[in-house]
PDB file of N, CA and C in Angstrom:
ATOM      1  N   MET A   1     126.415 121.616  67.038  1.00  0.00           N
ATOM      2  CA  MET A   1     127.223 122.916  65.964  1.00  0.00           C
ATOM      3  C   MET A   1     126.497 124.152  66.186  1.00  0.00           C
ATOM      4  N   GLY A   2     127.448 125.160  66.465  1.00  0.00           N
ATOM      5  CA  GLY A   2     127.057 126.205  66.352  1.00  0.00           C
ATOM      6  C   GLY A   2     126.428 126.916  65.159  1.00  0.00           C
ATOM      7  N   LYS A   3     125.858 127.900  65.555  1.00  0.00           N
ATOM      8  CA  LYS A   3     125.289 128.798  64.675  1.00  0.00           C
ATOM      9  C   LYS A   3     126.377 129.372  63.809  1.00  0.00           C
ATOM     10  N   ARG A   4     127.338 129.729  64.170  1.00  0.00           N
ATOM     11  CA  ARG A   4     128.678 130.213  63.102  1.00  0.00           C
ATOM     12  C   ARG A   4     128.482 128.921  62.025  1.00  0.00           C
ATOM     13  N   SER A   5     128.548 127.615  62.091  1.00  0.00           N
ATOM     14  CA  SER A   5     128.894 126.743  61.935  1.00  0.00           C
ATOM     15  C   SER A   5     127.347 126.168  60.674  1.00  0.00           C
ATOM     16  N   THR A   6     126.359 126.081  61.921  1.00  0.00           N
ATOM     17  CA  THR A   6     125.547 126.029  60.355  1.00  0.00           C
ATOM     18  C   THR A   6     125.424 126.840  59.595  1.00  0.00           C
ATOM     19  N   HIS A   7     125.617 128.145  59.732  1.00  0.00           N
ATOM     20  CA  HIS A   7     125.217 129.119  57.961  1.00  0.00           C
ATOM     21  C   HIS A   7     126.269 128.743  57.496  1.00  0.00           C
ATOM     22  N   HIS A   8     127.340 128.646  57.788  1.00  0.00           N
ATOM     23  CA  HIS A   8     128.459 128.552  57.469  1.00  0.00           C
ATOM     24  C   HIS A   8     128.466 127.103  56.271  1.00  0.00           C
ATOM     25  N   ALA A   9     127.728 126.256  56.962  1.00  0.00           N
ATOM     26  CA  ALA A   9     127.659 124.951  56.027  1.00  0.00           C
ATOM     27  C   ALA A   9     125.991 125.443  55.310  1.00  0.00           C
ATOM     28  N   THR A  10     125.453 126.097  55.617  1.00  0.00           N
ATOM     29  CA  THR A  10     124.389 126.389  54.614  1.00  0.00           C
ATOM     30  C   THR A  10     125.127 127.330  53.291  1.00  0.00           C
ATOM     31  N   PHE A  11     125.950 127.987  53.695  1.00  0.00           N
ATOM     32  CA  PHE A  11     126.270 129.464  52.423  1.00  0.00           C
ATOM     33  C   PHE A  11     127.154 128.299  51.716  1.00  0.00           C
ATOM     34  N   VAL A  12     127.711 127.161  52.398  1.00  0.00           N
ATOM     35  CA  VAL A  12     128.725 126.473  51.452  1.00  0.00           C
ATOM     36  C   VAL A  12     128.406 125.448  50.470  1.00  0.00           C
ATOM     37  N   ILE A  13     127.075 124.770  50.816  1.00  0.00           N
ATOM     38  CA  ILE A  13     126.017 123.664  49.930  1.00  0.00           C
ATOM     39  C   ILE A  13     125.623 125.355  49.251  1.00  0.00           C
ATOM     40  N   GLU A  14     125.034 126.669  49.217  1.00  0.00           N
ATOM     41  CA  GLU A  14     124.236 127.118  48.119  1.00  0.00           C
ATOM     42  C   GLU A  14     125.287 127.253  47.063  1.00  0.00           C
ATOM     43  N   ARG A  15     126.559 127.870  47.470  1.00  0.00           N
ATOM     44  CA  ARG A  15     127.098 128.273  46.968  1.00  0.00           C
ATOM     45  C   ARG A  15     127.137 127.034  45.867  1.00  0.00           C
ATOM     46  N   ASP A  16     128.050 125.780  46.170  1.00  0.00           N
ATOM     47  CA  ASP A  16     128.563 125.120  45.548  1.00  0.00           C
ATOM     48  C   ASP A  16     126.895 124.766  44.214  1.00  0.00           C
ATOM     49  N   TYR A  17     125.852 124.945  44.875  1.00  0.00           N
ATOM     50  CA  TYR A  17     124.355 124.715  44.107  1.00  0.00           C
ATOM     51  C   TYR A  17     124.700 125.210  42.849  1.00  0.00           C
ATOM     52  N   ALA A  18     124.965 126.841  43.664  1.00  0.00           N
ATOM     53  CA  ALA A  18     124.922 127.506  42.240  1.00  0.00           C
ATOM     54  C   ALA A  18     125.506 127.961  41.471  1.00  0.00           C
ATOM     55  N   ALA A  19     126.240 127.174  42.015  1.00  0.00           N
ATOM     56  CA  ALA A  19     127.798 127.106  40.525  1.00  0.00           C
ATOM     57  C   ALA A  19     127.677 125.894  39.618  1.00  0.00           C
ATOM     58  N   SER A  20     126.825 124.913  39.812  1.00  0.00           N
ATOM     59  CA  SER A  20     126.936 123.640  38.677  1.00  0.00           C
ATOM     60  C   SER A  20     126.032 123.822  37.508  1.00  0.00           C
ATOM     61  N   PRO A  21     125.130 125.219  37.544  1.00  0.00           N
ATOM     62  CA  PRO A  21     125.013 125.477  35.960  1.00  0.00           C
ATOM     63  C   PRO A  21     126.353 126.214  35.260  1.00  0.00           C
ATOM     64  N   ALA A  22     127.420 126.462  36.320  1.00  0.00           N
ATOM     65  CA  ALA A  22     128.774 127.094  35.136  1.00  0.00           C
ATOM     66  C   ALA A  22     129.533 125.666  34.739  1.00  0.00           C
ATOM     67  N   ARG A  23     129.427 124.945  35.892  1.00  0.00           N
ATOM     68  CA  ARG A  23     130.405 123.757  35.609  1.00  0.00           C
ATOM     69  C   ARG A  23     129.710 122.786  34.147  1.00  0.00           C
ATOM     70  N   VAL A  24     128.447 122.582  34.397  1.00  0.00           N
ATOM     71  CA  VAL A  24     127.604 122.129  33.461  1.00  0.00           C
ATOM     72  C   VAL A  24     128.443 123.280  32.113  1.00  0.00           C
ATOM     73  N   PHE A  25     127.901 124.440  31.942  1.00  0.00           N
ATOM     74  CA  PHE A  25     127.993 124.758  30.905  1.00  0.00           C
ATOM     75  C   PHE A  25     129.258 124.617  30.391  1.00  0.00           C
ATOM     76  N   ALA A  26     130.655 124.514  31.300  1.00  0.00           N
ATOM     77  CA  ALA A  26     131.419 124.052  30.565  1.00  0.00           C
ATOM     78  C   ALA A  26     132.004 123.095  30.334  1.00  0.00           C
ATOM     79  N   ALA A  27     131.230 121.988  31.094  1.00  0.00           N
ATOM     80  CA  ALA A  27     131.474 121.163  30.146  1.00  0.00           C
ATOM     81  C   ALA A  27     130.745 120.615  28.406  1.00  0.00           C
ATOM     82  N   TRP A  28     129.767 121.399  28.852  1.00  0.00           N
ATOM     83  CA  TRP A  28     128.647 120.925  27.124  1.00  0.00           C
ATOM     84  C   TRP A  28     130.246 122.094  26.473  1.00  0.00           C
ATOM     85  N   ALA A  29     130.187 123.369  26.764  1.00  0.00           N
ATOM     86  CA  ALA A  29     131.599 123.672  25.812  1.00  0.00           C
ATOM     87  C   ALA A  29     132.643 123.127  25.195  1.00  0.00           C
ATOM     88  N   GLU A  30     133.068 122.576  26.553  1.00  0.00           N
ATOM     89  CA  GLU A  30     134.608 121.689  26.062  1.00  0.00           C
ATOM     90  C   GLU A  30     133.737 120.414  24.782  1.00  0.00           C
ATOM     91  N   LEU A  31     132.429 120.220  25.138  1.00  0.00           N
ATOM     92  CA  LEU A  31     132.214 118.871  24.294  1.00  0.00           C
ATOM     93  C   LEU A  31     131.377 119.112  22.887  1.00  0.00           C
ATOM     94  N   VAL A  32     131.148 119.933  22.946  1.00  0.00           N
ATOM     95  CA  VAL A  32     130.299 120.224  21.620  1.00  0.00           C
ATOM     96  C   VAL A  32     131.540 121.612  21.050  1.00  0.00           C
ATOM     97  N   LEU A  33     131.663 122.073  21.219  1.00  0.00           N
ATOM     98  CA  LEU A  33     131.992 123.637  20.509  1.00  0.00           C
ATOM     99  C   LEU A  33     133.366 122.816  19.371  1.00  0.00           C
ATOM    100  N   PRO A  34     133.764 122.244  19.590  1.00  0.00           N
ATOM    101  CA  PRO A  34     134.488 121.739  18.138  1.00  0.00           C
ATOM    102  C   PRO A  34     133.635 121.441  17.600  1.00  0.00           C
ATOM    103  N   SER A  35     133.165 120.589  17.873  1.00  0.00           N
ATOM    104  CA  SER A  35     132.506 119.807  16.718  1.00  0.00           C
ATOM    105  C   SER A  35     131.422 120.815  15.343  1.00  0.00           C
ATOM    106  N   ILE A  36     131.147 121.594  16.098  1.00  0.00           N
ATOM    107  CA  ILE A  36     130.182 122.596  15.905  1.00  0.00           C
ATOM    108  C   ILE A  36     131.159 123.002  15.347  1.00  0.00           C
ATOM    109  N   ARG A  37     132.210 123.767  15.651  1.00  0.00           N
ATOM    110  CA  ARG A  37     133.322 124.510  15.183  1.00  0.00           C
ATOM    111  C   ARG A  37     133.494 123.044  12.755  1.00  0.00           C
ATOM    112  N   GLU A  38     133.468 122.172  13.542  1.00  0.00           N
ATOM    113  CA  GLU A  38     134.203 121.491  12.330  1.00  0.00           C
ATOM    114  C   GLU A  38     132.839 121.423  11.179  1.00  0.00           C
ATOM    115  N   ASP A  39     131.765 120.589  11.750  1.00  0.00           N
ATOM    116  CA  ASP A  39     130.454 120.813  11.327  1.00  0.00           C
ATOM    117  C   ASP A  39     129.958 121.281  10.231  1.00  0.00           C
ATOM    118  N   LEU A  40     130.350 123.082  11.553  1.00  0.00           N
ATOM    119  CA  LEU A  40     129.687 124.288  10.316  1.00  0.00           C
ATOM    120  C   LEU A  40     130.692 124.515  10.156  1.00  0.00           C
ATOM    121  N   GLY A  41     131.593 124.702   9.892  1.00  0.00           N
ATOM    122  CA  GLY A  41     132.561 125.567   9.630  1.00  0.00           C
ATOM    123  C   GLY A  41     133.066 126.472   9.595  1.00  0.00           C
ATOM    124  N   PHE A  42     132.575 126.887  11.421  1.00  0.00           N
ATOM    125  CA  PHE A  42     132.487 128.717  12.313  1.00  0.00           C
ATOM    126  C   PHE A  42     134.091 128.741  12.547  1.00  0.00           C
ATOM    127  N   SER A  43     133.623 129.921  12.387  1.00  0.00           N
ATOM    128  CA  SER A  43     135.305 130.913  12.954  1.00  0.00           C
ATOM    129  C   SER A  43     135.435 130.705  14.489  1.00  0.00           C
ATOM    130  N   GLU A  44     136.500 130.940  15.486  1.00  0.00           N
ATOM    131  CA  GLU A  44     136.518 130.879  16.341  1.00  0.00           C
ATOM    132  C   GLU A  44     135.595 132.329  16.935  1.00  0.00           C
ATOM    133  N   THR A  45     135.346 133.364  16.490  1.00  0.00           N
ATOM    134  CA  THR A  45     134.751 134.422  16.517  1.00  0.00           C
ATOM    135  C   THR A  45     133.704 133.743  16.993  1.00  0.00           C
ATOM    136  N   SER A  46     133.227 133.226  15.482  1.00  0.00           N
ATOM    137  CA  SER A  46     131.754 132.679  15.542  1.00  0.00           C
ATOM    138  C   SER A  46     131.150 132.064  16.700  1.00  0.00           C
ATOM    139  N   LEU A  47     132.185 130.673  17.146  1.00  0.00           N
ATOM    140  CA  LEU A  47     131.403 130.618  18.572  1.00  0.00           C
ATOM    141  C   LEU A  47     131.915 131.159  19.358  1.00  0.00           C
ATOM    142  N   VAL A  48     132.313 132.827  19.396  1.00  0.00           N
ATOM    143  CA  VAL A  48     132.026 132.900  21.062  1.00  0.00           C
ATOM    144  C   VAL A  48     130.757 133.700  20.568  1.00  0.00           C
ATOM    145  N   TRP A  49     129.838 134.006  19.107  1.00  0.00           N
ATOM    146  CA  TRP A  49     128.834 134.605  18.957  1.00  0.00           C
ATOM    147  C   TRP A  49     128.104 133.383  19.916  1.00  0.00           C
ATOM    148  N   VAL A  50     128.599 132.063  19.644  1.00  0.00           N
ATOM    149  CA  VAL A  50     127.313 130.476  19.645  1.00  0.00           C
ATOM    150  C   VAL A  50     127.180 130.435  21.186  1.00  0.00           C
ATOM    151  N   VAL A  51     128.244 131.201  22.540  1.00  0.00           N
ATOM    152  CA  VAL A  51     128.513 130.706  23.022  1.00  0.00           C
ATOM    153  C   VAL A  51     127.719 132.325  24.040  1.00  0.00           C
ATOM    154  N   ASN A  52     127.384 133.143  23.766  1.00  0.00           N
ATOM    155  CA  ASN A  52     127.015 134.482  24.214  1.00  0.00           C
ATOM    156  C   ASN A  52     125.721 134.023  23.707  1.00  0.00           C
ATOM    157  N   ALA A  53     124.978 133.966  22.885  1.00  0.00           N
ATOM    158  CA  ALA A  53     123.914 133.775  22.448  1.00  0.00           C
ATOM    159  C   ALA A  53     123.276 131.752  23.455  1.00  0.00           C
ATOM    160  N   TYR A  54     123.903 131.384  23.777  1.00  0.00           N
ATOM    161  CA  TYR A  54     123.184 130.388  24.723  1.00  0.00           C
ATOM    162  C   TYR A  54     123.520 130.704  26.340  1.00  0.00           C
ATOM    163  N   LYS A  55     124.244 131.806  26.549  1.00  0.00           N
ATOM    164  CA  LYS A  55     124.727 132.549  27.664  1.00  0.00           C
ATOM    165  C   LYS A  55     123.647 133.518  27.620  1.00  0.00           C
ATOM    166  N   LEU A  56     122.967 133.916  27.181  1.00  0.00           N
ATOM    167  CA  LEU A  56     122.059 135.217  27.612  1.00  0.00           C
ATOM    168  C   LEU A  56     120.062 134.178  27.328  1.00  0.00           C
ATOM    169  N   THR A  57     120.358 132.756  26.571  1.00  0.00           N
ATOM    170  CA  THR A  57     119.175 132.299  26.463  1.00  0.00           C
ATOM    171  C   THR A  57     119.378 131.621  28.155  1.00  0.00           C
ATOM    172  N   PHE A  58     120.380 131.092  28.771  1.00  0.00           N
ATOM    173  CA  PHE A  58     120.598 130.491  29.856  1.00  0.00           C
ATOM    174  C   PHE A  58     119.745 131.440  30.557  1.00  0.00           C
ATOM    175  N   GLY A  59     120.500 133.022  30.445  1.00  0.00           N
ATOM    176  CA  GLY A  59     120.177 133.755  31.731  1.00  0.00           C
ATOM    177  C   GLY A  59     119.271 134.183  32.226  1.00  0.00           C
ATOM    178  N   GLY A  60     118.207 134.230  30.918  1.00  0.00           N
ATOM    179  CA  GLY A  60     116.574 134.548  30.816  1.00  0.00           C
ATOM    180  C   GLY A  60     116.045 133.269  31.487  1.00  0.00           C
ATOM    181  N   PHE A  61     116.385 132.195  31.188  1.00  0.00           N
ATOM    182  CA  PHE A  61     115.588 130.860  31.523  1.00  0.00           C
ATOM    183  C   PHE A  61     115.696 131.252  33.213  1.00  0.00           C
ATOM    184  N   LEU A  62     116.974 131.199  33.714  1.00  0.00           N
ATOM    185  CA  LEU A  62     116.642 131.939  34.965  1.00  0.00           C
ATOM    186  C   LEU A  62     115.794 133.224  35.955  1.00  0.00           C
ATOM    187  N   LEU A  63     116.549 133.707  35.499  1.00  0.00           N
ATOM    188  CA  LEU A  63     115.555 134.922  35.159  1.00  0.00           C
ATOM    189  C   LEU A  63     114.165 134.575  35.905  1.00  0.00           C
ATOM    190  N   LEU A  64     113.615 134.692  34.136  1.00  0.00           N
ATOM    191  CA  LEU A  64     111.857 134.087  34.262  1.00  0.00           C
ATOM    192  C   LEU A  64     111.803 132.833  35.420  1.00  0.00           C
ATOM    193  N   GLY A  65     112.233 131.768  35.544  1.00  0.00           N
ATOM    194  CA  GLY A  65     112.480 130.728  36.046  1.00  0.00           C
ATOM    195  C   GLY A  65     111.874 131.434  37.988  1.00  0.00           C
ATOM    196  N   GLY A  66     113.040 132.459  38.519  1.00  0.00           N
ATOM    197  CA  GLY A  66     113.273 132.945  39.450  1.00  0.00           C
ATOM    198  C   GLY A  66     111.809 133.975  39.595  1.00  0.00           C
ATOM    199  N   ARG A  67     111.424 134.273  38.723  1.00  0.00           N
ATOM    200  CA  ARG A  67     110.103 135.082  39.318  1.00  0.00           C
ATOM    201  C   ARG A  67     108.844 134.516  39.267  1.00  0.00           C
ATOM    202  N   LEU A  68     109.157 133.110  38.226  1.00  0.00           N
ATOM    203  CA  LEU A  68     107.956 132.826  38.562  1.00  0.00           C
ATOM    204  C   LEU A  68     107.852 131.826  40.172  1.00  0.00           C
ATOM    205  N   GLY A  69     109.242 131.973  40.544  1.00  0.00           N
ATOM    206  CA  GLY A  69     109.057 130.780  41.740  1.00  0.00           C
ATOM    207  C   GLY A  69     108.742 132.119  42.772  1.00  0.00           C
ATOM    208  N   GLU A  70     108.883 132.779  42.695  1.00  0.00           N
ATOM    209  CA  GLU A  70     108.344 134.295  44.318  1.00  0.00           C
ATOM    210  C   GLU A  70     107.068 134.371  43.979  1.00  0.00           C
ATOM    211  N   LYS A  71     106.591 134.195  42.411  1.00  0.00           N
ATOM    212  CA  LYS A  71     105.180 134.045  41.987  1.00  0.00           C
ATOM    213  C   LYS A  71     104.469 133.326  42.666  1.00  0.00           C
ATOM    214  N   ALA A  72     104.665 131.689  42.698  1.00  0.00           N
ATOM    215  CA  ALA A  72     104.248 130.824  43.086  1.00  0.00           C
ATOM    216  C   ALA A  72     104.420 130.828  44.826  1.00  0.00           C
ATOM    217  N   ILE A  73     105.560 131.538  45.220  1.00  0.00           N
ATOM    218  CA  ILE A  73     105.529 131.170  47.010  1.00  0.00           C
ATOM    219  C   ILE A  73     105.054 132.688  47.448  1.00  0.00           C
ATOM    220  N   GLU A  74     104.668 133.666  46.505  1.00  0.00           N
ATOM    221  CA  GLU A  74     103.622 135.008  47.116  1.00  0.00           C
ATOM    222  C   GLU A  74     102.112 134.195  47.359  1.00  0.00           C
ATOM    223  N   ALA A  75     101.881 133.405  46.280  1.00  0.00           N
ATOM    224  CA  ALA A  75     100.096 132.884  45.731  1.00  0.00           C
ATOM    225  C   ALA A  75      99.921 131.414  46.549  1.00  0.00           C
ATOM    226  N   ALA A  76     100.943 131.241  47.260  1.00  0.00           N
ATOM    227  CA  ALA A  76     100.454 130.121  48.750  1.00  0.00           C
ATOM    228  C   ALA A  76     100.491 130.361  50.139  1.00  0.00           C
TER     229      ALA A  76
END
């Protein structure tokens, strides 16, 4: 494998790994949102708020985890 092939393969693996939270979220939304709407009586607008709250919380934890990972690497 040449240098370019190795870098391309690494990029593809990293890209797929980075996209996996989006896939999990899409599966979660398909399964959970209809039951939230029915059980709690939410409207479509309210469901948008649920999705946005989830995304903000998830993004905050990703940032926190990334920062803690950087600190751990610096300390090592």
